[in-house]
Amino acid sequence: MGESDDGRESARSMSATGTLRHPADQFERTISHRSRGSHFRYIRPDHLGRVVKPFVYFDLFDKDGPEMMFGLHPHSGIATVTHVFEGAIDYTDPDGTSGTVLPGGVEWMMAGKGMWHGGGAVEGRVAGFQLWIAMPPELELAPYESSYWQAEDIETDGPARVLMGRLGAARGKFAADLPITLLTVKLVAGESWRFTPPGGQEVLWIGVSKGALSAPDRVVTGELVIFDRSENGVTFKAKTETLFVLGASTLHDHELAVGHYSVHTNRDALVEGERHIQELGTELRRNGRL
């Protein structure tokens, strides 16, 4: 829920879920880790993914089209969220269905026990992010599913666009049963906005695509910061026009069994997912698609 910059606030304020909270609940969190993007990405399953799981991979990209072309490749055990800020990305689903995600649009894909897909930039520059989310045991070997939403489909609450979870009256379009909040937030220079996570969502991080803000320490373009684990909120104040991604969740209460394109909760599930991927790959080669 956003707050005005004039310093006035009511005796009680609303949390991100619309629940009334007392000011005593609004202690500021501190930044426990910060990093900048590289060819190793911001979050990887074998590194920071173990700190902020279920968020196990995060890539905040701004690239020319030729750098963003991906042929058919496999996944299992995870879901991916791909969101476009500028430019456009083509996609090809396992059944051969294809389409385009335009600026402001989002692709949700849950790999389940295994699938192959592909895609990449349509042309020119493309900016956005891709996020991998580790699935719980009941979903990591489920049938794959995918959905696509354009900009006009995404609900908003103040400066925030709600991709997953809920914020005020706004709801995400997919995976409503997962304890995850995923937002993109755009602030004008001088604007303040406060986020208080829903109960139990102690994992919190942001990645800044553009601009500079205080949170309360300064965070600038290209940085990812992870906050200390708690249910307290954070007040963000933009120093310039700013665009950032925010992820919050309960902690994924499982180990990470990591393959090349796969993340599962245990070794047996990883073996099953990779076996299914290999079978699908054999079929794709037989049909001349690989």
C-alpha atoms as a PDB file:
ATOM      1  CA  MET A   1       0.000   0.000   0.000  1.00  0.00           C
ATOM      2  CA  GLY A   2       1.529   3.316  -0.999  1.00  0.00           C
ATOM      3  CA  GLU A   3       1.957   6.222   1.391  1.00  0.00           C
ATOM      4  CA  SER A   4       2.157   9.939   0.603  1.00  0.00           C
ATOM      5  CA  ASP A   5       5.406  11.882   0.891  1.00  0.00           C
ATOM      6  CA  ASP A   6       4.036  14.599   3.169  1.00  0.00           C
ATOM      7  CA  GLY A   7       4.930  12.690   6.327  1.00  0.00           C
ATOM      8  CA  ARG A   8       1.327  12.180   7.415  1.00  0.00           C
ATOM      9  CA  GLU A   9       0.098   8.694   8.152  1.00  0.00           C
ATOM     10  CA  SER A  10      -2.882   7.338   9.995  1.00  0.00           C
ATOM     11  CA  ALA A  11      -2.636   5.719  13.418  1.00  0.00           C
ATOM     12  CA  ARG A  12      -2.916   2.413  11.640  1.00  0.00           C
ATOM     13  CA  SER A  13      -1.947   1.503   8.068  1.00  0.00           C
ATOM     14  CA  MET A  14      -2.839  -1.223   5.632  1.00  0.00           C
ATOM     15  CA  SER A  15      -0.546  -4.144   4.873  1.00  0.00           C
ATOM     16  CA  ALA A  16      -0.088  -5.500   1.351  1.00  0.00           C
ATOM     17  CA  THR A  17      -2.982  -7.893   1.961  1.00  0.00           C
ATOM     18  CA  GLY A  18      -5.314  -5.150   3.146  1.00  0.00           C
ATOM     19  CA  THR A  19      -5.089  -6.207   6.815  1.00  0.00           C
ATOM     20  CA  LEU A  20      -4.965  -3.413   9.363  1.00  0.00           C
ATOM     21  CA  ARG A  21      -1.630  -3.244  11.145  1.00  0.00           C
ATOM     22  CA  HIS A  22      -0.417  -1.101  14.019  1.00  0.00           C
ATOM     23  CA  PRO A  23       2.649   1.173  13.453  1.00  0.00           C
ATOM     24  CA  ALA A  24       4.619  -1.015  15.879  1.00  0.00           C
ATOM     25  CA  ASP A  25       4.555  -3.718  13.194  1.00  0.00           C
ATOM     26  CA  GLN A  26       6.294  -1.409  10.711  1.00  0.00           C
ATOM     27  CA  PHE A  27       9.896  -1.778  11.833  1.00  0.00           C
ATOM     28  CA  GLU A  28      12.169  -1.412   8.842  1.00  0.00           C
ATOM     29  CA  ARG A  29      14.038  -4.445   7.603  1.00  0.00           C
ATOM     30  CA  THR A  30      17.727  -4.291   6.797  1.00  0.00           C
ATOM     31  CA  ILE A  31      19.547  -5.441   3.678  1.00  0.00           C
ATOM     32  CA  SER A  32      21.408  -8.701   4.333  1.00  0.00           C
ATOM     33  CA  HIS A  33      22.929  -9.189   0.866  1.00  0.00           C
ATOM     34  CA  ARG A  34      23.448  -7.221  -2.323  1.00  0.00           C
ATOM     35  CA  SER A  35      24.843  -8.175  -5.714  1.00  0.00           C
ATOM     36  CA  ARG A  36      25.017  -7.002  -9.300  1.00  0.00           C
ATOM     37  CA  GLY A  37      24.093  -9.019 -12.370  1.00  0.00           C
ATOM     38  CA  SER A  38      26.674 -10.948 -14.388  1.00  0.00           C
ATOM     39  CA  HIS A  39      26.872 -13.943 -16.688  1.00  0.00           C
ATOM     40  CA  PHE A  40      26.232 -15.963 -13.526  1.00  0.00           C
ATOM     41  CA  ARG A  41      22.883 -14.126 -13.143  1.00  0.00           C
ATOM     42  CA  TYR A  42      21.653 -12.640  -9.892  1.00  0.00           C
ATOM     43  CA  ILE A  43      20.225 -15.762  -8.263  1.00  0.00           C
ATOM     44  CA  ARG A  44      21.279 -19.343  -9.079  1.00  0.00           C
ATOM     45  CA  PRO A  45      20.033 -22.623  -7.598  1.00  0.00           C
ATOM     46  CA  ASP A  46      23.522 -23.552  -6.409  1.00  0.00           C
ATOM     47  CA  HIS A  47      24.153 -20.194  -4.705  1.00  0.00           C
ATOM     48  CA  LEU A  48      21.661 -17.526  -3.539  1.00  0.00           C
ATOM     49  CA  GLY A  49      18.777 -19.769  -4.542  1.00  0.00           C
ATOM     50  CA  ARG A  50      19.443 -21.699  -1.342  1.00  0.00           C
ATOM     51  CA  VAL A  51      18.983 -18.460   0.625  1.00  0.00           C
ATOM     52  CA  VAL A  52      15.796 -17.159  -1.020  1.00  0.00           C
ATOM     53  CA  LYS A  53      14.174 -20.429  -2.139  1.00  0.00           C
ATOM     54  CA  PRO A  54      11.619 -20.962  -3.686  1.00  0.00           C
ATOM     55  CA  PHE A  55      13.192 -18.231  -5.858  1.00  0.00           C
ATOM     56  CA  VAL A  56      16.081 -20.205  -7.356  1.00  0.00           C
ATOM     57  CA  TYR A  57      17.062 -18.216 -10.468  1.00  0.00           C
ATOM     58  CA  PHE A  58      16.658 -14.572 -11.432  1.00  0.00           C
ATOM     59  CA  ASP A  59      17.922 -12.801 -14.533  1.00  0.00           C
ATOM     60  CA  LEU A  60      17.202  -9.102 -15.043  1.00  0.00           C
ATOM     61  CA  PHE A  61      18.027  -8.564 -18.713  1.00  0.00           C
ATOM     62  CA  ASP A  62      18.412  -5.644 -21.120  1.00  0.00           C
ATOM     63  CA  LYS A  63      19.935  -6.960 -24.324  1.00  0.00           C
ATOM     64  CA  ASP A  64      19.959  -6.778 -28.103  1.00  0.00           C
ATOM     65  CA  GLY A  65      17.814  -9.346 -29.881  1.00  0.00           C
ATOM     66  CA  PRO A  66      20.606 -11.726 -31.018  1.00  0.00           C
ATOM     67  CA  GLU A  67      21.650 -12.238 -27.370  1.00  0.00           C
ATOM     68  CA  MET A  68      18.134 -13.326 -26.435  1.00  0.00           C
ATOM     69  CA  MET A  69      17.452 -16.232 -28.798  1.00  0.00           C
ATOM     70  CA  PHE A  70      16.910 -19.673 -27.259  1.00  0.00           C
ATOM     71  CA  GLY A  71      16.204 -22.876 -29.143  1.00  0.00           C
ATOM     72  CA  LEU A  72      14.155 -25.689 -27.649  1.00  0.00           C
ATOM     73  CA  HIS A  73      15.518 -26.610 -24.212  1.00  0.00           C
ATOM     74  CA  PRO A  74      14.162 -28.629 -21.265  1.00  0.00           C
ATOM     75  CA  HIS A  75      13.067 -27.973 -17.674  1.00  0.00           C
ATOM     76  CA  SER A  76      11.567 -30.020 -14.865  1.00  0.00           C
ATOM     77  CA  GLY A  77      10.534 -29.390 -11.271  1.00  0.00           C
ATOM     78  CA  ILE A  78      10.296 -25.596 -11.580  1.00  0.00           C
ATOM     79  CA  ALA A  79       8.013 -22.869 -12.828  1.00  0.00           C
ATOM     80  CA  THR A  80       9.329 -19.931 -14.839  1.00  0.00           C
ATOM     81  CA  VAL A  81       7.958 -16.388 -15.027  1.00  0.00           C
ATOM     82  CA  THR A  82       9.109 -14.248 -17.964  1.00  0.00           C
ATOM     83  CA  HIS A  83       8.036 -10.598 -17.990  1.00  0.00           C
ATOM     84  CA  VAL A  84       8.766  -8.005 -20.676  1.00  0.00           C
ATOM     85  CA  PHE A  85       9.380  -4.322 -19.877  1.00  0.00           C
ATOM     86  CA  GLU A  86      10.371  -3.231 -23.390  1.00  0.00           C
ATOM     87  CA  GLY A  87      10.532  -5.042 -26.722  1.00  0.00           C
ATOM     88  CA  ALA A  88       8.876  -8.408 -27.319  1.00  0.00           C
ATOM     89  CA  ILE A  89       9.671 -12.118 -26.867  1.00  0.00           C
ATOM     90  CA  ASP A  90       8.461 -15.040 -28.983  1.00  0.00           C
ATOM     91  CA  TYR A  91       7.694 -18.387 -27.384  1.00  0.00           C
ATOM     92  CA  THR A  92       7.173 -21.971 -28.557  1.00  0.00           C
ATOM     93  CA  ASP A  93       5.327 -24.406 -26.280  1.00  0.00           C
ATOM     94  CA  PRO A  94       5.949 -28.177 -26.149  1.00  0.00           C
ATOM     95  CA  ASP A  95       2.932 -28.828 -28.391  1.00  0.00           C
ATOM     96  CA  GLY A  96       4.323 -26.459 -31.027  1.00  0.00           C
ATOM     97  CA  THR A  97       2.010 -23.567 -30.167  1.00  0.00           C
ATOM     98  CA  SER A  98       3.774 -20.225 -30.623  1.00  0.00           C
ATOM     99  CA  GLY A  99       3.060 -16.597 -29.872  1.00  0.00           C
ATOM    100  CA  THR A 100       4.509 -13.299 -28.690  1.00  0.00           C
ATOM    101  CA  VAL A 101       4.726 -11.647 -25.276  1.00  0.00           C
ATOM    102  CA  LEU A 102       4.479  -7.870 -25.790  1.00  0.00           C
ATOM    103  CA  PRO A 103       5.646  -5.064 -23.429  1.00  0.00           C
ATOM    104  CA  GLY A 104       3.954  -5.440 -20.061  1.00  0.00           C
ATOM    105  CA  GLY A 105       3.069  -9.076 -20.788  1.00  0.00           C
ATOM    106  CA  VAL A 106       4.021 -12.163 -18.812  1.00  0.00           C
ATOM    107  CA  GLU A 107       4.542 -15.877 -19.500  1.00  0.00           C
ATOM    108  CA  TRP A 108       3.944 -18.492 -16.785  1.00  0.00           C
ATOM    109  CA  MET A 109       5.237 -22.014 -17.379  1.00  0.00           C
ATOM    110  CA  MET A 110       5.208 -24.848 -14.841  1.00  0.00           C
ATOM    111  CA  ALA A 111       7.503 -27.590 -16.109  1.00  0.00           C
ATOM    112  CA  GLY A 112       6.295 -30.349 -13.773  1.00  0.00           C
ATOM    113  CA  LYS A 113       7.847 -33.732 -14.598  1.00  0.00           C
ATOM    114  CA  GLY A 114       9.478 -32.314 -17.714  1.00  0.00           C
ATOM    115  CA  MET A 115       8.960 -30.342 -20.930  1.00  0.00           C
ATOM    116  CA  TRP A 116      10.839 -28.568 -23.736  1.00  0.00           C
ATOM    117  CA  HIS A 117      10.190 -25.018 -24.911  1.00  0.00           C
ATOM    118  CA  GLY A 118      11.957 -22.216 -26.745  1.00  0.00           C
ATOM    119  CA  GLY A 119      11.792 -18.555 -27.675  1.00  0.00           C
ATOM    120  CA  GLY A 120      13.648 -15.279 -27.727  1.00  0.00           C
ATOM    121  CA  ALA A 121      13.547 -11.633 -28.702  1.00  0.00           C
ATOM    122  CA  VAL A 122      11.444 -10.726 -31.730  1.00  0.00           C
ATOM    123  CA  GLU A 123      13.899  -8.046 -32.902  1.00  0.00           C
ATOM    124  CA  GLY A 124      15.954  -5.183 -31.530  1.00  0.00           C
ATOM    125  CA  ARG A 125      16.401  -4.495 -27.827  1.00  0.00           C
ATOM    126  CA  VAL A 126      14.437  -6.374 -25.170  1.00  0.00           C
ATOM    127  CA  ALA A 127      14.310  -5.684 -21.423  1.00  0.00           C
ATOM    128  CA  GLY A 128      12.601  -7.666 -18.695  1.00  0.00           C
ATOM    129  CA  PHE A 129      13.286 -10.533 -16.333  1.00  0.00           C
ATOM    130  CA  GLN A 130      13.044 -14.283 -15.977  1.00  0.00           C
ATOM    131  CA  LEU A 131      12.461 -15.972 -12.632  1.00  0.00           C
ATOM    132  CA  TRP A 132      12.582 -19.675 -11.726  1.00  0.00           C
ATOM    133  CA  ILE A 133      10.471 -20.876  -8.807  1.00  0.00           C
ATOM    134  CA  ALA A 134      11.057 -24.240  -7.113  1.00  0.00           C
ATOM    135  CA  MET A 135       7.814 -26.215  -6.912  1.00  0.00           C
ATOM    136  CA  PRO A 136       6.578 -28.119  -3.842  1.00  0.00           C
ATOM    137  CA  PRO A 137       6.526 -31.957  -3.948  1.00  0.00           C
ATOM    138  CA  GLU A 138       2.906 -32.150  -5.109  1.00  0.00           C
ATOM    139  CA  LEU A 139       3.705 -30.089  -8.245  1.00  0.00           C
ATOM    140  CA  GLU A 140       7.307 -30.927  -9.138  1.00  0.00           C
ATOM    141  CA  LEU A 141       6.277 -34.038 -11.143  1.00  0.00           C
ATOM    142  CA  ALA A 142       2.840 -32.828 -12.284  1.00  0.00           C
ATOM    143  CA  PRO A 143       1.918 -32.355 -15.974  1.00  0.00           C
ATOM    144  CA  TYR A 144       3.323 -29.131 -17.418  1.00  0.00           C
ATOM    145  CA  GLU A 145       1.116 -26.078 -17.841  1.00  0.00           C
ATOM    146  CA  SER A 146       1.583 -22.639 -19.357  1.00  0.00           C
ATOM    147  CA  SER A 147      -0.363 -19.397 -19.696  1.00  0.00           C
ATOM    148  CA  TYR A 148       0.248 -15.982 -21.245  1.00  0.00           C
ATOM    149  CA  TRP A 149      -1.111 -12.593 -20.234  1.00  0.00           C
ATOM    150  CA  GLN A 150      -0.751  -9.246 -21.959  1.00  0.00           C
ATOM    151  CA  ALA A 151      -0.299  -5.887 -20.227  1.00  0.00           C
ATOM    152  CA  GLU A 152      -3.993  -5.031 -20.055  1.00  0.00           C
ATOM    153  CA  ASP A 153      -4.698  -8.279 -18.172  1.00  0.00           C
ATOM    154  CA  ILE A 154      -2.406  -7.481 -15.218  1.00  0.00           C
ATOM    155  CA  GLU A 155      -4.103  -5.939 -12.173  1.00  0.00           C
ATOM    156  CA  THR A 156      -2.512  -3.018 -10.326  1.00  0.00           C
ATOM    157  CA  ASP A 157      -2.508  -1.491  -6.863  1.00  0.00           C
ATOM    158  CA  GLY A 158      -1.032   2.022  -6.855  1.00  0.00           C
ATOM    159  CA  PRO A 159       2.402   1.880  -8.500  1.00  0.00           C
ATOM    160  CA  ALA A 160       2.577  -1.943  -8.312  1.00  0.00           C
ATOM    161  CA  ARG A 161       1.585  -4.458 -10.991  1.00  0.00           C
ATOM    162  CA  VAL A 162       0.622  -7.780  -9.398  1.00  0.00           C
ATOM    163  CA  LEU A 163       2.003 -10.814 -11.245  1.00  0.00           C
ATOM    164  CA  MET A 164       1.563 -13.325  -8.403  1.00  0.00           C
ATOM    165  CA  GLY A 165      -0.258 -13.189  -5.084  1.00  0.00           C
ATOM    166  CA  ARG A 166      -2.340 -10.237  -3.994  1.00  0.00           C
ATOM    167  CA  LEU A 167      -1.870  -6.592  -3.092  1.00  0.00           C
ATOM    168  CA  GLY A 168      -4.874  -4.672  -1.839  1.00  0.00           C
ATOM    169  CA  ALA A 169      -7.742  -5.589  -4.163  1.00  0.00           C
ATOM    170  CA  ALA A 170      -5.421  -6.643  -7.017  1.00  0.00           C
ATOM    171  CA  ARG A 171      -4.774 -10.327  -7.736  1.00  0.00           C
ATOM    172  CA  GLY A 172      -2.191 -12.176  -9.777  1.00  0.00           C
ATOM    173  CA  LYS A 173      -3.333 -14.216 -12.758  1.00  0.00           C
ATOM    174  CA  PHE A 174      -1.658 -17.556 -11.987  1.00  0.00           C
ATOM    175  CA  ALA A 175      -0.532 -19.919  -9.193  1.00  0.00           C
ATOM    176  CA  ALA A 176      -2.903 -18.431  -6.626  1.00  0.00           C
ATOM    177  CA  ASP A 177      -2.327 -21.413  -4.323  1.00  0.00           C
ATOM    178  CA  LEU A 178       1.403 -20.718  -3.927  1.00  0.00           C
ATOM    179  CA  PRO A 179       2.468 -18.514  -0.953  1.00  0.00           C
ATOM    180  CA  ILE A 180       4.285 -16.055  -3.220  1.00  0.00           C
ATOM    181  CA  THR A 181       3.987 -12.340  -3.993  1.00  0.00           C
ATOM    182  CA  LEU A 182       5.609 -11.118  -7.214  1.00  0.00           C
ATOM    183  CA  LEU A 183       5.314  -7.462  -8.240  1.00  0.00           C
ATOM    184  CA  THR A 184       6.815  -4.909 -10.568  1.00  0.00           C
ATOM    185  CA  VAL A 185       6.823  -1.415  -9.084  1.00  0.00           C
ATOM    186  CA  LYS A 186       7.324   1.890 -10.909  1.00  0.00           C
ATOM    187  CA  LEU A 187       7.902   5.038  -8.822  1.00  0.00           C
ATOM    188  CA  VAL A 188       8.404   8.639  -9.916  1.00  0.00           C
ATOM    189  CA  ALA A 189      11.238  10.668  -8.390  1.00  0.00           C
ATOM    190  CA  GLY A 190      10.463  11.518  -4.770  1.00  0.00           C
ATOM    191  CA  GLU A 191       7.614   9.006  -4.461  1.00  0.00           C
ATOM    192  CA  SER A 192       7.455   6.698  -1.424  1.00  0.00           C
ATOM    193  CA  TRP A 193       5.761   3.317  -1.295  1.00  0.00           C
ATOM    194  CA  ARG A 194       5.614   0.774   1.497  1.00  0.00           C
ATOM    195  CA  PHE A 195       5.378  -2.995   1.216  1.00  0.00           C
ATOM    196  CA  THR A 196       4.375  -5.183   4.147  1.00  0.00           C
ATOM    197  CA  PRO A 197       4.321  -8.867   3.204  1.00  0.00           C
ATOM    198  CA  PRO A 198       1.399 -11.179   3.825  1.00  0.00           C
ATOM    199  CA  GLY A 199       1.746 -13.254   6.976  1.00  0.00           C
ATOM    200  CA  GLY A 200       4.450 -15.899   6.795  1.00  0.00           C
ATOM    201  CA  GLN A 201       6.222 -14.460   3.745  1.00  0.00           C
ATOM    202  CA  GLU A 202       9.585 -13.827   5.401  1.00  0.00           C
ATOM    203  CA  VAL A 203      11.700 -14.085   2.229  1.00  0.00           C
ATOM    204  CA  LEU A 204      11.987 -10.686   0.484  1.00  0.00           C
ATOM    205  CA  TRP A 205      14.197  -9.310  -2.300  1.00  0.00           C
ATOM    206  CA  ILE A 206      14.137  -6.683  -5.043  1.00  0.00           C
ATOM    207  CA  GLY A 207      15.969  -6.287  -8.358  1.00  0.00           C
ATOM    208  CA  VAL A 208      16.237  -2.757  -9.782  1.00  0.00           C
ATOM    209  CA  SER A 209      15.814  -2.470 -13.550  1.00  0.00           C
ATOM    210  CA  LYS A 210      16.047   1.336 -13.698  1.00  0.00           C
ATOM    211  CA  GLY A 211      16.740   4.253 -11.370  1.00  0.00           C
ATOM    212  CA  ALA A 212      17.827   4.644  -7.759  1.00  0.00           C
ATOM    213  CA  LEU A 213      15.925   4.309  -4.501  1.00  0.00           C
ATOM    214  CA  SER A 214      16.425   4.047  -0.759  1.00  0.00           C
ATOM    215  CA  ALA A 215      15.307   0.878   0.998  1.00  0.00           C
ATOM    216  CA  PRO A 216      16.439   2.412   3.382  1.00  0.00           C
ATOM    217  CA  ASP A 217      20.021   2.067   2.027  1.00  0.00           C
ATOM    218  CA  ARG A 218      20.639   3.231  -1.537  1.00  0.00           C
ATOM    219  CA  VAL A 219      19.959   0.672  -4.308  1.00  0.00           C
ATOM    220  CA  VAL A 220      20.611   1.480  -7.982  1.00  0.00           C
ATOM    221  CA  THR A 221      20.107   0.137 -11.495  1.00  0.00           C
ATOM    222  CA  GLY A 222      21.431  -3.400 -11.916  1.00  0.00           C
ATOM    223  CA  GLU A 223      21.470  -4.296  -8.228  1.00  0.00           C
ATOM    224  CA  LEU A 224      19.636  -7.061  -6.407  1.00  0.00           C
ATOM    225  CA  VAL A 225      19.228  -6.851  -2.633  1.00  0.00           C
ATOM    226  CA  ILE A 226      17.945  -9.456  -0.191  1.00  0.00           C
ATOM    227  CA  PHE A 227      16.392  -8.316   3.082  1.00  0.00           C
ATOM    228  CA  ASP A 228      16.758  -9.947   6.479  1.00  0.00           C
ATOM    229  CA  ARG A 229      14.223 -12.691   7.080  1.00  0.00           C
ATOM    230  CA  SER A 230      11.197 -11.349   8.965  1.00  0.00           C
ATOM    231  CA  GLU A 231       7.596 -10.281   8.383  1.00  0.00           C
ATOM    232  CA  ASN A 232       8.356  -6.567   8.783  1.00  0.00           C
ATOM    233  CA  GLY A 233       7.799  -4.157   5.927  1.00  0.00           C
ATOM    234  CA  VAL A 234      10.095  -1.934   3.875  1.00  0.00           C
ATOM    235  CA  THR A 235       9.548   1.667   2.753  1.00  0.00           C
ATOM    236  CA  PHE A 236      10.959   2.429  -0.690  1.00  0.00           C
ATOM    237  CA  LYS A 237      11.640   6.015  -1.756  1.00  0.00           C
ATOM    238  CA  ALA A 238      12.620   6.783  -5.334  1.00  0.00           C
ATOM    239  CA  LYS A 239      15.578   9.110  -5.870  1.00  0.00           C
ATOM    240  CA  THR A 240      14.868   9.103  -9.628  1.00  0.00           C
ATOM    241  CA  GLU A 241      12.200   7.443 -11.743  1.00  0.00           C
ATOM    242  CA  THR A 242      12.581   3.813 -10.714  1.00  0.00           C
ATOM    243  CA  LEU A 243      11.404   0.399 -11.888  1.00  0.00           C
ATOM    244  CA  PHE A 244      12.018  -2.682  -9.782  1.00  0.00           C
ATOM    245  CA  VAL A 245      10.904  -6.283  -9.303  1.00  0.00           C
ATOM    246  CA  LEU A 246       9.859  -7.479  -5.840  1.00  0.00           C
ATOM    247  CA  GLY A 247       9.560 -11.085  -4.697  1.00  0.00           C
ATOM    248  CA  ALA A 248       8.264 -12.283  -1.321  1.00  0.00           C
ATOM    249  CA  SER A 249       7.420 -15.786  -0.127  1.00  0.00           C
ATOM    250  CA  THR A 250       7.366 -18.262   2.685  1.00  0.00           C
ATOM    251  CA  LEU A 251      10.631 -20.224   2.755  1.00  0.00           C
ATOM    252  CA  HIS A 252      10.616 -23.337   0.536  1.00  0.00           C
ATOM    253  CA  ASP A 253      10.906 -26.026   3.205  1.00  0.00           C
ATOM    254  CA  HIS A 254      12.772 -28.560   1.069  1.00  0.00           C
ATOM    255  CA  GLU A 255      16.289 -29.225  -0.119  1.00  0.00           C
ATOM    256  CA  LEU A 256      17.276 -28.316  -3.677  1.00  0.00           C
ATOM    257  CA  ALA A 257      18.329 -31.188  -5.918  1.00  0.00           C
ATOM    258  CA  VAL A 258      19.812 -29.344  -8.888  1.00  0.00           C
ATOM    259  CA  GLY A 259      20.268 -30.478 -12.483  1.00  0.00           C
ATOM    260  CA  HIS A 260      21.323 -28.445 -15.526  1.00  0.00           C
ATOM    261  CA  TYR A 261      17.827 -27.148 -16.314  1.00  0.00           C
ATOM    262  CA  SER A 262      15.957 -28.697 -13.383  1.00  0.00           C
ATOM    263  CA  VAL A 263      15.414 -28.181  -9.660  1.00  0.00           C
ATOM    264  CA  HIS A 264      13.598 -30.741  -7.478  1.00  0.00           C
ATOM    265  CA  THR A 265      13.054 -31.389  -3.783  1.00  0.00           C
ATOM    266  CA  ASN A 266      15.069 -34.636  -3.711  1.00  0.00           C
ATOM    267  CA  ARG A 267      17.406 -36.757  -5.812  1.00  0.00           C
ATOM    268  CA  ASP A 268      14.785 -39.350  -6.787  1.00  0.00           C
ATOM    269  CA  ALA A 269      12.447 -36.659  -8.165  1.00  0.00           C
ATOM    270  CA  LEU A 270      15.363 -35.105 -10.087  1.00  0.00           C
ATOM    271  CA  VAL A 271      16.204 -38.480 -11.663  1.00  0.00           C
ATOM    272  CA  GLU A 272      12.558 -38.958 -12.655  1.00  0.00           C
ATOM    273  CA  GLY A 273      12.330 -35.460 -14.160  1.00  0.00           C
ATOM    274  CA  GLU A 274      15.548 -35.831 -16.132  1.00  0.00           C
ATOM    275  CA  ARG A 275      14.496 -39.287 -17.372  1.00  0.00           C
ATOM    276  CA  HIS A 276      11.257 -37.814 -18.720  1.00  0.00           C
ATOM    277  CA  ILE A 277      13.150 -34.927 -20.334  1.00  0.00           C
ATOM    278  CA  GLN A 278      15.395 -37.414 -22.143  1.00  0.00           C
ATOM    279  CA  GLU A 279      12.384 -39.351 -23.412  1.00  0.00           C
ATOM    280  CA  LEU A 280      10.786 -36.153 -24.728  1.00  0.00           C
ATOM    281  CA  GLY A 281      14.080 -35.154 -26.354  1.00  0.00           C
ATOM    282  CA  THR A 282      14.284 -38.480 -28.161  1.00  0.00           C
ATOM    283  CA  GLU A 283      10.773 -37.961 -29.515  1.00  0.00           C
ATOM    284  CA  LEU A 284      11.573 -34.400 -30.629  1.00  0.00           C
ATOM    285  CA  ARG A 285      14.642 -35.630 -32.515  1.00  0.00           C
ATOM    286  CA  ARG A 286      12.598 -38.393 -34.122  1.00  0.00           C
ATOM    287  CA  ASN A 287      10.158 -35.747 -35.343  1.00  0.00           C
ATOM    288  CA  GLY A 288      12.922 -33.473 -36.617  1.00  0.00           C
ATOM    289  CA  ARG A 289      12.298 -30.693 -34.089  1.00  0.00           C
ATOM    290  CA  LEU A 290      15.756 -30.923 -32.448  1.00  0.00           C
END
